[in-house]
Amino acid sequence: MAEIVKMPKMSDTMEEGVIAVWHKKVGDKVESGELMAEIETDKATMDYESFHEGTVLYLGAKEGEAVAVNGILAIVGEEGEDYKALLNGAQEEATEEKKEEKKAEPQKAAEKIDTSNINAEIVRMPKMSDTMEEGVIAAWHKKVGDKVEAGELMAEIETDKATMEYESYHDGTVLYLGAEEGSSVKVDGILAVVGEEGADYEALIKADQQGGTSDDEPTPAAKEESKQEEAKSEPISSGSSSNNTSGSNGRIKASPLAKKMAEERGIDISLVKGSGDGGRIVKRDVENYVPSQQVQAPAQEAAAAPAVQLPKVVGEESFEEMRVSQMRKTIAKRLSQSKFTAPHFYLTMEINMDKAIEARKSMNEVSPVKISFNDMVIKAASVALRKHPQVNSSWLEDKIRINHHVHIGVAVAVDEGLLVPVVRFADSKPLSHISAEVKELGGKAKNKKLQPEEMSGNTFTISNLGMFGIDEFTAIINPPDACIMAVGGIKETAVVKDGQLTIGNIMKVTLSCDHRVVDGAVGSAFLQTFKSLLEDPVRLLV
């Protein structure tokens, strides 16, 4: 039976969504949890995953057109089914609803919770990076009942890129905290309530929740109820007991995000107990799922053991599971998207570093800061990019952006993953300036003090593992760049020079290219220029 798919409200201020991309067209099959469209809201472009199964019978808008919240996004049903009566009925119903809404406006206003006399304000989770979707409370510096002033440190919040300090913008008493340490809060979710001591913060929260909440992130009240239920409930038993997560048609009731997380973690979602509406499996259920112990092999199998007497080995299987940090989640998401959407190809070149070694030694005798080989690589790459702007570009689906400025991203390894601080306008900076800046940014990265603006805007990225003894490797392109260069260590090896076999210092670099933007000849020409600059480093000083 055909069903209408309505435009969801994807942010608290969203009134309409623009269809950025359709991933399904009329006549295509679609399954629950499958990506159907990319929708541009007032805050971001977000993926829309279908909650319906069947054939796409009708699309309510073309790409680039807007659909109001709760407007008709699509109709999904059985192939060949007549949906026109349903469409006409929905349109008439929408018209009648608008009329009823106008009539009911005075009544609705009366039903709304009056918060005008509540001297308190909701503190929301800020968006601390361009890719941040939620923040984890690393540490609270205030507890309920404490006084807080504007500018005072209130919490440390772990984003997808760094742990950052949150300073209060409010004065008053902390009346409520929206999450415990180690728990996450979505961007724009309730972080805390601050106001006059004794203010009715519960009514304020209730009024804020009148618009509804998502399945994957329960309200603070729901969190408390869930905790109480968990305390009363028995542990999940293994065997043939049912989790009661299947619908009447036998399909597992689970949110698209929960299905995706279960697939990524290798979890059979039918074994997960749902805590959402009607037993629906949501994000927190997958996160909290602990597999039951495997049944021991039957004793009969022991009887089939070979007659040879083997020495008895005593051991115990064990493992450790670590919580995936926000940084690691984002690295996984961004690089998976890059690897599986951008067609990578690789170009490797050997560079004789004999002259670069001599030049570095001379430069460090007069330089105010110690210049590293990585600094020379950054400078040589930035100068080469100026001559080959096609490599300094980005794929934007319907167009290619060729950047006239050179911002080099420098990959830095930290305990939880990888950060990429950006050296801006690297082509116009002397080596000593680049060296000082890279050292400063690297120190901030390791101490988790980098600001979002220091990790954005890259047009080309360099990943150097030479200091770890790596001779050669390939790297995954760092969006939105079209290329990334992997740099190996300098190694003494036999080379032929002027017809004679001698010892030379060789460094290998591999350029990963997005074939949608950069062709082999373009990437090769860039590497030739880069090679010539390092093999004659005096040109870097001109």
Protein backbone atom coordinates (compact mmCIF):
# COMPACT_ATOMS: atom_id res chain seq x y z
CA MET A 1 0.00 0.00 0.00
CA ALA A 2 1.34 3.40 -0.99
CA GLU A 3 2.52 5.77 1.76
CA ILE A 4 3.37 9.45 1.72
CA VAL A 5 6.92 10.37 2.77
CA LYS A 6 6.89 13.81 4.41
CA MET A 7 9.72 16.33 4.71
CA PRO A 8 11.19 15.80 8.21
CA LYS A 9 12.12 18.63 10.58
CA MET A 10 15.91 18.17 10.66
CA SER A 11 16.77 21.12 12.89
CA ASP A 12 14.95 23.12 15.53
CA THR A 13 14.72 26.19 13.26
CA MET A 14 14.04 24.39 9.96
CA GLU A 15 10.94 25.50 8.05
CA GLU A 16 11.71 23.95 4.68
CA GLY A 17 14.36 21.75 3.07
CA VAL A 18 15.98 22.05 -0.35
CA ILE A 19 16.57 18.85 -2.30
CA ALA A 20 20.33 18.91 -2.84
CA VAL A 21 20.54 15.44 -4.45
CA TRP A 22 18.08 12.64 -5.10
CA HIS A 23 19.65 9.19 -4.67
CA LYS A 24 16.46 7.51 -5.89
CA LYS A 25 14.27 8.24 -8.92
CA VAL A 26 10.73 7.24 -9.82
CA GLY A 27 10.62 3.49 -10.42
CA ASP A 28 13.59 2.68 -8.16
CA LYS A 29 13.29 0.20 -5.30
CA VAL A 30 14.01 1.57 -1.82
CA GLU A 31 14.51 -0.24 1.48
CA SER A 32 14.15 1.00 5.04
CA GLY A 33 17.41 2.61 6.15
CA GLU A 34 18.60 3.21 2.57
CA LEU A 35 19.87 6.67 1.56
CA MET A 36 17.12 8.38 -0.42
CA ALA A 37 18.16 12.04 -0.68
CA GLU A 38 20.49 14.76 0.56
CA ILE A 39 18.50 17.66 2.01
CA GLU A 40 19.87 21.14 2.58
CA THR A 41 18.46 22.62 5.79
CA ASP A 42 19.10 26.05 7.28
CA LYS A 43 22.16 24.64 9.07
CA ALA A 44 23.69 21.87 6.97
CA THR A 45 23.19 19.43 4.12
CA MET A 46 22.04 16.17 5.68
CA ASP A 47 21.38 12.61 4.49
CA TYR A 48 17.75 11.44 4.50
CA GLU A 49 17.36 7.69 5.03
CA SER A 50 14.06 6.07 4.09
CA PHE A 51 11.72 4.65 6.73
CA HIS A 52 9.65 2.92 4.03
CA GLU A 53 10.09 -0.06 1.72
CA GLY A 54 8.78 -0.41 -1.82
CA THR A 55 8.99 1.37 -5.17
CA VAL A 56 9.34 5.15 -5.56
CA LEU A 57 6.09 6.19 -7.25
CA TYR A 58 6.35 9.98 -6.99
CA LEU A 59 8.92 12.66 -6.06
CA GLY A 60 7.53 15.89 -4.62
CA ALA A 61 10.27 18.23 -5.86
CA LYS A 62 13.16 18.43 -8.28
CA GLU A 63 16.78 18.89 -7.19
CA GLY A 64 17.28 22.50 -6.11
CA GLU A 65 13.61 22.98 -5.14
CA ALA A 66 12.32 23.49 -1.60
CA VAL A 67 9.71 21.45 0.30
CA ALA A 68 8.08 22.76 3.49
CA VAL A 69 8.43 20.72 6.68
CA ASN A 70 5.70 18.02 6.61
CA GLY A 71 5.22 18.68 2.91
CA ILE A 72 5.14 15.80 0.44
CA LEU A 73 8.69 14.61 -0.17
CA ALA A 74 7.79 11.42 -2.04
CA ILE A 75 5.32 8.53 -2.29
CA VAL A 76 6.52 4.93 -1.87
CA GLY A 77 4.38 1.85 -2.52
CA GLU A 78 3.90 -1.19 -4.75
CA GLU A 79 5.05 -1.01 -8.37
CA GLY A 80 2.24 0.18 -10.65
CA GLU A 81 0.03 1.25 -7.75
CA ASP A 82 -2.29 4.24 -8.38
CA TYR A 83 -1.06 6.94 -6.02
CA LYS A 84 -2.89 9.95 -7.50
CA ALA A 85 -5.92 9.66 -5.23
CA LEU A 86 -3.56 9.53 -2.23
CA LEU A 87 -1.66 12.58 -3.52
CA ASN A 88 -4.85 14.59 -4.15
CA GLY A 89 -6.26 13.59 -0.77
CA ALA A 90 -3.04 14.64 1.00
CA GLN A 91 -3.05 18.00 -0.76
CA GLU A 92 -6.69 18.61 0.22
CA GLU A 93 -5.93 17.48 3.76
CA ALA A 94 -2.99 19.89 3.94
CA THR A 95 -5.28 22.73 2.84
CA GLU A 96 -7.85 21.80 5.49
CA GLU A 97 -5.13 21.50 8.12
CA LYS A 98 -3.97 25.03 7.37
CA LYS A 99 -7.53 26.28 7.83
CA GLU A 100 -7.89 24.35 11.09
CA GLU A 101 -4.53 25.65 12.31
CA LYS A 102 -5.68 29.22 11.79
CA LYS A 103 -8.85 28.50 13.77
CA ALA A 104 -6.95 26.72 16.51
CA GLU A 105 -4.17 29.31 16.90
CA PRO A 106 -5.78 31.09 19.90
CA GLN A 107 -6.40 27.71 21.60
CA LYS A 108 -2.81 26.54 20.96
CA ALA A 109 -1.47 29.75 22.40
CA ALA A 110 -3.50 29.08 25.55
CA GLU A 111 -2.14 25.52 25.80
CA LYS A 112 1.49 26.63 25.54
CA ILE A 113 3.49 26.64 28.75
CA ASP A 114 4.06 30.18 29.94
CA THR A 115 7.78 30.61 30.60
CA SER A 116 7.82 34.41 30.72
CA ASN A 117 8.02 34.46 34.52
CA ILE A 118 10.71 31.77 34.76
CA ASN A 119 13.98 33.54 35.44
CA ALA A 120 16.25 30.93 33.86
CA GLU A 121 17.78 30.14 30.47
CA ILE A 122 18.57 26.93 28.60
CA VAL A 123 22.25 26.48 27.73
CA ARG A 124 22.58 24.55 24.46
CA MET A 125 25.42 22.41 23.12
CA PRO A 126 27.36 24.73 20.77
CA LYS A 127 28.66 23.65 17.34
CA MET A 128 32.39 23.81 18.03
CA SER A 129 33.59 22.55 14.63
CA ASP A 130 32.19 22.50 11.11
CA THR A 131 31.71 18.71 11.22
CA MET A 132 30.54 18.40 14.83
CA GLU A 133 27.21 16.60 15.34
CA GLU A 134 27.43 15.92 19.07
CA GLY A 135 29.75 16.63 21.98
CA VAL A 136 30.83 14.36 24.84
CA ILE A 137 31.06 15.86 28.33
CA ALA A 138 34.71 15.21 29.23
CA ALA A 139 34.45 17.05 32.57
CA TRP A 140 31.99 19.29 34.40
CA HIS A 141 33.56 22.20 36.27
CA LYS A 142 30.19 23.14 37.79
CA LYS A 143 27.54 21.02 39.48
CA VAL A 144 23.86 21.61 40.24
CA GLY A 145 23.56 24.36 42.86
CA ASP A 146 26.87 26.06 41.98
CA LYS A 147 27.03 29.72 41.02
CA VAL A 148 28.40 30.53 37.57
CA GLU A 149 29.38 33.82 35.95
CA ALA A 150 29.70 34.78 32.29
CA GLY A 151 33.19 33.87 31.05
CA GLU A 152 33.71 31.26 33.77
CA LEU A 153 34.78 27.74 32.76
CA MET A 154 31.75 25.46 32.93
CA ALA A 155 32.76 22.26 31.15
CA GLU A 156 35.28 20.52 28.93
CA ILE A 157 33.63 19.14 25.79
CA GLU A 158 35.12 16.50 23.50
CA THR A 159 34.26 17.23 19.87
CA ASP A 160 35.18 15.20 16.79
CA LYS A 161 38.48 17.09 16.55
CA ALA A 162 39.61 18.14 20.01
CA THR A 163 38.64 18.56 23.66
CA MET A 164 37.67 22.20 24.11
CA GLU A 165 36.76 24.37 27.07
CA TYR A 166 33.21 25.75 27.27
CA GLU A 167 32.91 29.10 29.03
CA SER A 168 29.50 30.18 30.29
CA TYR A 169 27.62 33.04 28.62
CA HIS A 170 25.14 33.20 31.51
CA ASP A 171 25.13 34.40 35.13
CA GLY A 172 23.22 32.59 37.86
CA THR A 173 22.85 29.22 39.58
CA VAL A 174 23.25 25.89 37.79
CA LEU A 175 19.74 24.39 38.07
CA TYR A 176 20.12 21.37 35.78
CA LEU A 177 22.81 19.46 33.86
CA GLY A 178 21.69 17.73 30.66
CA ALA A 179 24.20 14.88 30.69
CA GLU A 180 26.67 13.09 32.95
CA GLU A 181 30.41 13.03 32.31
CA GLY A 182 31.16 10.64 29.45
CA SER A 183 27.70 11.08 27.92
CA SER A 184 27.03 12.86 24.64
CA VAL A 185 24.70 15.74 23.81
CA LYS A 186 23.68 16.59 20.26
CA VAL A 187 24.45 20.03 18.83
CA ASP A 188 21.67 22.42 20.01
CA GLY A 189 20.62 19.85 22.63
CA ILE A 190 20.15 20.91 26.25
CA LEU A 191 23.55 21.18 27.94
CA ALA A 192 22.34 22.82 31.14
CA VAL A 193 19.85 25.29 32.66
CA VAL A 194 21.17 28.37 34.46
CA GLY A 195 19.06 30.94 36.29
CA GLU A 196 17.68 32.21 39.55
CA GLU A 197 17.88 29.78 42.45
CA GLY A 198 14.58 27.92 42.81
CA ALA A 199 13.36 28.79 39.29
CA ASP A 200 11.02 26.21 37.71
CA TYR A 201 13.54 24.77 35.22
CA GLU A 202 11.38 21.67 34.65
CA ALA A 203 8.63 23.77 33.09
CA LEU A 204 11.26 25.49 30.93
CA ILE A 205 12.55 22.12 29.68
CA LYS A 206 9.00 20.88 29.10
CA ALA A 207 8.18 23.94 27.04
CA ASP A 208 11.33 23.41 24.98
CA GLN A 209 10.36 19.78 24.33
CA GLN A 210 6.91 20.62 22.97
CA GLY A 211 8.37 20.48 19.46
CA GLY A 212 9.33 16.78 19.97
CA THR A 213 12.63 14.93 20.15
CA SER A 214 14.36 12.36 17.97
CA ASP A 215 14.37 8.61 18.58
CA ASP A 216 18.12 8.45 18.80
CA GLU A 217 18.55 11.08 21.52
CA PRO A 218 16.00 10.89 24.36
CA THR A 219 14.98 13.93 26.37
CA PRO A 220 16.58 14.41 29.80
CA ALA A 221 13.34 13.19 31.39
CA ALA A 222 13.34 10.12 29.15
CA LYS A 223 16.98 9.47 30.08
CA GLU A 224 16.03 9.39 33.76
CA GLU A 225 13.09 7.05 33.04
CA SER A 226 15.39 4.83 30.96
CA LYS A 227 17.92 4.66 33.79
CA GLN A 228 15.20 3.68 36.27
CA GLU A 229 13.89 0.99 33.92
CA GLU A 230 17.40 -0.36 33.37
CA ALA A 231 17.93 -0.58 37.12
CA LYS A 232 14.70 -2.62 37.47
CA SER A 233 15.17 -4.82 34.41
CA GLU A 234 16.97 -8.16 34.32
CA PRO A 235 20.14 -8.65 32.21
CA ILE A 236 19.56 -9.68 28.62
CA SER A 237 19.46 -13.46 28.49
CA SER A 238 20.93 -15.61 25.76
CA GLY A 239 19.23 -18.51 24.00
CA SER A 240 15.84 -18.46 22.36
CA SER A 241 14.30 -15.51 24.20
CA SER A 242 12.81 -12.82 21.97
CA ASN A 243 13.90 -9.20 21.99
CA ASN A 244 10.47 -8.14 20.70
CA THR A 245 11.93 -5.77 18.10
CA SER A 246 10.16 -7.19 15.03
CA GLY A 247 7.10 -5.55 13.54
CA SER A 248 3.96 -7.40 12.50
CA ASN A 249 5.48 -8.03 9.07
CA GLY A 250 8.59 -9.65 10.58
CA ARG A 251 10.82 -6.65 9.78
CA ILE A 252 13.17 -5.51 12.53
CA LYS A 253 12.02 -2.22 14.05
CA ALA A 254 15.16 -0.11 14.19
CA SER A 255 16.23 3.42 13.26
CA PRO A 256 18.43 3.78 10.14
CA LEU A 257 21.32 5.03 12.30
CA ALA A 258 21.02 1.99 14.59
CA LYS A 259 21.04 -0.37 11.58
CA LYS A 260 24.09 1.35 10.13
CA MET A 261 25.99 1.25 13.45
CA ALA A 262 25.13 -2.45 13.93
CA GLU A 263 26.37 -3.25 10.41
CA GLU A 264 29.64 -1.36 10.99
CA ARG A 265 30.23 -3.19 14.30
CA GLY A 266 29.30 -6.62 12.94
CA ILE A 267 26.31 -6.95 15.31
CA ASP A 268 23.25 -9.04 14.42
CA ILE A 269 20.62 -6.36 15.05
CA SER A 270 17.93 -8.98 15.69
CA LEU A 271 19.77 -9.83 18.95
CA VAL A 272 19.67 -6.24 20.21
CA LYS A 273 16.93 -5.29 22.69
CA GLY A 274 15.12 -2.08 21.68
CA SER A 275 14.31 0.65 24.20
CA GLY A 276 12.53 3.05 21.83
CA ASP A 277 8.82 3.42 21.14
CA GLY A 278 7.22 -0.02 20.72
CA GLY A 279 10.56 -1.76 21.28
CA ARG A 280 12.26 0.10 18.39
CA ILE A 281 16.05 -0.27 18.37
CA VAL A 282 17.81 3.10 18.53
CA LYS A 283 21.39 4.33 18.65
CA ARG A 284 21.95 3.87 22.39
CA ASP A 285 20.80 0.23 22.22
CA VAL A 286 23.53 -0.65 19.71
CA GLU A 287 26.13 1.35 21.69
CA ASN A 288 25.22 -0.51 24.91
CA TYR A 289 24.85 -3.97 23.35
CA VAL A 290 27.06 -6.66 24.91
CA PRO A 291 27.07 -10.05 23.08
CA SER A 292 26.19 -13.06 25.21
CA GLN A 293 28.89 -15.71 25.71
CA GLN A 294 29.15 -18.36 23.02
CA VAL A 295 27.87 -21.82 23.92
CA GLN A 296 30.67 -24.23 24.74
CA ALA A 297 31.37 -26.95 22.17
CA PRO A 298 29.68 -30.29 23.00
CA ALA A 299 31.65 -32.65 25.14
CA GLN A 300 31.36 -35.31 22.45
CA GLU A 301 33.83 -33.40 20.27
CA ALA A 302 36.52 -33.89 22.88
CA ALA A 303 36.16 -37.64 22.40
CA ALA A 304 37.12 -37.24 18.75
CA ALA A 305 40.52 -35.74 19.65
CA PRO A 306 43.60 -37.51 18.23
CA ALA A 307 45.26 -40.17 20.32
CA VAL A 308 48.56 -38.24 20.41
CA GLN A 309 49.08 -36.81 23.88
CA LEU A 310 49.86 -33.11 23.61
CA PRO A 311 51.18 -31.02 26.47
CA LYS A 312 48.38 -29.20 28.24
CA VAL A 313 48.41 -25.48 27.50
CA VAL A 314 46.62 -23.28 29.99
CA GLY A 315 45.44 -19.93 28.68
CA GLU A 316 42.61 -17.49 28.95
CA GLU A 317 41.00 -15.59 26.10
CA SER A 318 40.61 -11.90 26.80
CA PHE A 319 40.04 -8.66 24.98
CA GLU A 320 39.58 -5.00 25.63
CA GLU A 321 36.98 -2.73 24.04
CA MET A 322 37.51 1.00 23.90
CA ARG A 323 34.88 3.67 23.39
CA VAL A 324 35.19 5.22 19.94
CA SER A 325 36.09 8.89 20.39
CA GLN A 326 34.37 11.68 18.48
CA MET A 327 37.63 12.27 16.62
CA ARG A 328 37.89 8.64 15.53
CA LYS A 329 34.22 8.59 14.44
CA THR A 330 34.80 11.61 12.21
CA ILE A 331 38.05 10.23 10.77
CA ALA A 332 36.22 7.00 9.89
CA LYS A 333 33.29 8.82 8.33
CA ARG A 334 35.27 11.38 6.29
CA LEU A 335 37.97 9.03 5.02
CA SER A 336 35.51 6.24 4.20
CA GLN A 337 33.50 8.73 2.19
CA SER A 338 36.67 9.93 0.44
CA LYS A 339 37.98 6.43 -0.33
CA PHE A 340 34.69 5.09 -1.66
CA THR A 341 33.50 8.16 -3.59
CA ALA A 342 36.73 9.65 -4.99
CA PRO A 343 38.45 7.40 -7.59
CA HIS A 344 42.02 7.34 -6.25
CA PHE A 345 45.12 6.73 -8.33
CA TYR A 346 48.74 6.92 -7.19
CA LEU A 347 51.99 8.33 -8.57
CA THR A 348 55.32 7.51 -6.90
CA MET A 349 58.61 9.30 -7.54
CA GLU A 350 62.15 9.01 -6.13
CA ILE A 351 63.95 12.22 -5.18
CA ASN A 352 67.71 12.58 -4.61
CA MET A 353 68.05 14.51 -1.33
CA ASP A 354 71.87 14.97 -1.35
CA LYS A 355 71.69 18.72 -2.06
CA ALA A 356 68.70 19.16 0.27
CA ILE A 357 70.74 17.66 3.12
CA GLU A 358 73.62 20.07 2.45
CA ALA A 359 71.26 23.06 2.08
CA ARG A 360 69.43 22.26 5.33
CA LYS A 361 72.72 22.07 7.22
CA SER A 362 73.75 25.51 5.89
CA MET A 363 70.35 27.08 6.53
CA ASN A 364 70.24 25.85 10.15
CA GLU A 365 73.54 27.64 10.83
CA VAL A 366 71.77 30.99 10.33
CA SER A 367 68.05 30.23 10.79
CA PRO A 368 66.41 31.45 14.05
CA VAL A 369 64.50 28.13 14.21
CA LYS A 370 65.60 24.64 13.23
CA ILE A 371 64.37 23.79 9.73
CA SER A 372 63.32 20.17 9.17
CA PHE A 373 63.07 18.19 5.94
CA ASN A 374 59.29 18.28 6.39
CA ASP A 375 59.43 22.09 6.32
CA MET A 376 61.34 21.90 3.03
CA VAL A 377 58.75 19.47 1.65
CA ILE A 378 55.92 21.87 2.58
CA LYS A 379 57.68 24.81 0.94
CA ALA A 380 58.54 22.84 -2.22
CA ALA A 381 54.96 21.53 -2.52
CA SER A 382 53.46 25.01 -2.09
CA VAL A 383 55.74 26.49 -4.79
CA ALA A 384 54.94 23.58 -7.14
CA LEU A 385 51.20 24.07 -6.53
CA ARG A 386 51.53 27.66 -7.69
CA LYS A 387 52.76 26.34 -11.06
CA HIS A 388 50.19 23.51 -11.22
CA PRO A 389 46.91 24.97 -9.87
CA GLN A 390 44.88 22.00 -11.16
CA VAL A 391 46.40 19.93 -8.33
CA ASN A 392 45.39 22.66 -5.85
CA SER A 393 41.69 22.09 -6.45
CA SER A 394 38.45 20.52 -5.19
CA TRP A 395 35.62 18.44 -6.69
CA LEU A 396 32.22 20.11 -6.10
CA GLU A 397 29.99 17.63 -8.00
CA ASP A 398 28.80 20.02 -10.73
CA LYS A 399 31.99 22.09 -10.88
CA ILE A 400 35.71 22.04 -10.05
CA ARG A 401 37.10 24.75 -7.78
CA ILE A 402 40.68 25.74 -8.64
CA ASN A 403 42.16 27.55 -5.66
CA HIS A 404 44.50 30.48 -6.29
CA HIS A 405 45.67 30.47 -2.66
CA VAL A 406 47.83 27.67 -1.22
CA HIS A 407 46.84 26.34 2.22
CA ILE A 408 48.82 23.22 3.15
CA GLY A 409 47.29 20.73 5.59
CA VAL A 410 49.96 18.95 7.66
CA ALA A 411 48.86 15.59 9.12
CA VAL A 412 49.82 15.26 12.81
CA ALA A 413 49.45 11.98 14.73
CA VAL A 414 47.85 12.29 18.19
CA ASP A 415 46.84 9.61 20.71
CA GLU A 416 43.27 9.28 19.42
CA GLY A 417 43.91 9.59 15.68
CA LEU A 418 44.99 12.25 13.25
CA LEU A 419 44.61 16.02 13.14
CA VAL A 420 45.39 18.22 10.14
CA PRO A 421 46.35 21.79 11.09
CA VAL A 422 46.69 24.16 8.14
CA VAL A 423 49.62 26.38 7.13
CA ARG A 424 47.93 29.22 5.25
CA PHE A 425 49.53 30.94 2.24
CA ALA A 426 52.50 28.60 2.57
CA ASP A 427 53.84 29.59 -0.86
CA SER A 428 54.49 33.16 0.31
CA LYS A 429 56.18 32.29 3.63
CA PRO A 430 59.94 31.76 4.11
CA LEU A 431 61.18 28.41 5.42
CA SER A 432 61.90 29.76 8.91
CA HIS A 433 58.31 31.04 9.20
CA ILE A 434 56.89 27.69 8.02
CA SER A 435 59.10 25.84 10.51
CA ALA A 436 57.99 27.97 13.48
CA GLU A 437 54.32 27.72 12.49
CA VAL A 438 54.39 23.94 12.01
CA LYS A 439 56.02 23.48 15.43
CA GLU A 440 53.40 25.70 17.09
CA LEU A 441 50.46 23.96 15.37
CA GLY A 442 51.93 20.51 16.09
CA GLY A 443 52.22 21.34 19.79
CA LYS A 444 48.64 22.58 19.90
CA ALA A 445 47.45 19.41 18.14
CA LYS A 446 49.14 17.10 20.67
CA ASN A 447 47.72 19.15 23.58
CA LYS A 448 44.23 19.29 21.97
CA LYS A 449 44.35 23.08 21.88
CA LEU A 450 43.77 23.57 18.14
CA GLN A 451 40.89 25.86 17.25
CA PRO A 452 38.44 24.89 14.45
CA GLU A 453 39.71 27.68 12.18
CA GLU A 454 43.25 26.25 12.47
CA MET A 455 42.06 22.94 11.00
CA SER A 456 39.97 24.15 8.07
CA GLY A 457 40.51 25.59 4.61
CA ASN A 458 43.21 23.17 3.38
CA THR A 459 43.70 22.99 -0.40
CA PHE A 460 46.41 20.26 -0.38
CA THR A 461 47.61 17.88 2.35
CA ILE A 462 50.99 16.33 3.23
CA SER A 463 51.36 13.19 5.36
CA ASN A 464 54.95 12.41 6.39
CA LEU A 465 55.84 9.08 8.04
CA GLY A 466 59.55 9.25 7.27
CA MET A 467 60.41 9.87 10.91
CA PHE A 468 58.85 6.48 11.74
CA GLY A 469 61.18 4.62 9.38
CA ILE A 470 58.57 4.20 6.63
CA ASP A 471 60.12 4.16 3.14
CA GLU A 472 56.95 4.39 1.07
CA PHE A 473 53.16 4.40 1.57
CA THR A 474 49.89 5.68 0.08
CA ALA A 475 47.48 8.06 1.79
CA ILE A 476 43.71 8.61 1.49
CA ILE A 477 42.72 12.01 0.10
CA ASN A 478 41.67 14.49 2.79
CA PRO A 479 38.43 16.23 1.63
CA PRO A 480 37.93 18.77 0.14
CA ASP A 481 41.40 18.41 -1.43
CA ALA A 482 41.90 16.70 -4.79
CA CYS A 483 45.34 15.35 -3.80
CA ILE A 484 47.42 14.28 -0.81
CA MET A 485 51.16 13.56 -0.81
CA ALA A 486 52.62 10.71 1.27
CA VAL A 487 56.28 11.28 2.17
CA GLY A 488 58.67 8.47 3.16
CA GLY A 489 62.02 8.61 4.93
CA ILE A 490 65.39 9.46 3.43
CA LYS A 491 67.38 6.29 2.83
CA GLU A 492 70.96 5.70 1.70
CA THR A 493 70.93 3.53 -1.41
CA ALA A 494 73.00 2.72 -4.49
CA VAL A 495 72.48 5.19 -7.36
CA VAL A 496 74.09 5.71 -10.73
CA LYS A 497 75.61 9.18 -11.10
CA ASP A 498 77.60 10.24 -14.20
CA GLY A 499 77.82 6.59 -15.22
CA GLN A 500 79.31 5.58 -11.86
CA LEU A 501 77.70 3.56 -9.07
CA THR A 502 77.69 5.58 -5.85
CA ILE A 503 75.75 6.09 -2.62
CA GLY A 504 72.87 8.55 -2.68
CA ASN A 505 70.19 9.72 -0.26
CA ILE A 506 66.80 8.88 -1.77
CA MET A 507 63.33 9.89 -0.59
CA LYS A 508 60.15 8.43 -2.08
CA VAL A 509 56.90 10.39 -2.32
CA THR A 510 53.50 9.13 -3.49
CA LEU A 511 50.82 11.49 -4.75
CA SER A 512 47.22 10.24 -4.28
CA CYS A 513 44.97 11.93 -6.84
CA ASP A 514 41.21 12.22 -7.30
CA HIS A 515 40.81 11.15 -10.94
CA ARG A 516 37.65 13.26 -11.26
CA VAL A 517 39.85 16.35 -11.01
CA VAL A 518 43.48 15.42 -11.71
CA ASP A 519 44.72 13.27 -14.59
CA GLY A 520 47.95 11.30 -14.61
CA ALA A 521 49.83 13.79 -16.77
CA VAL A 522 48.85 16.71 -14.49
CA GLY A 523 49.93 14.87 -11.34
CA SER A 524 53.20 13.77 -12.98
CA ALA A 525 54.04 17.33 -14.05
CA PHE A 526 53.47 18.53 -10.47
CA LEU A 527 55.81 15.83 -9.10
CA GLN A 528 58.50 16.72 -11.62
CA THR A 529 58.42 20.35 -10.47
CA PHE A 530 58.41 19.25 -6.82
CA LYS A 531 61.40 16.94 -7.46
CA SER A 532 63.39 19.67 -9.23
CA LEU A 533 62.86 22.07 -6.29
CA LEU A 534 64.15 19.60 -3.67
CA GLU A 535 67.05 18.45 -5.83
CA ASP A 536 68.09 22.10 -6.27
CA PRO A 537 66.81 23.69 -3.02
CA VAL A 538 68.38 27.10 -3.70
CA ARG A 539 65.29 27.70 -5.87
CA LEU A 540 63.15 27.57 -2.69
CA LEU A 541 64.87 30.69 -1.40
CA VAL A 542 64.23 32.79 -4.48
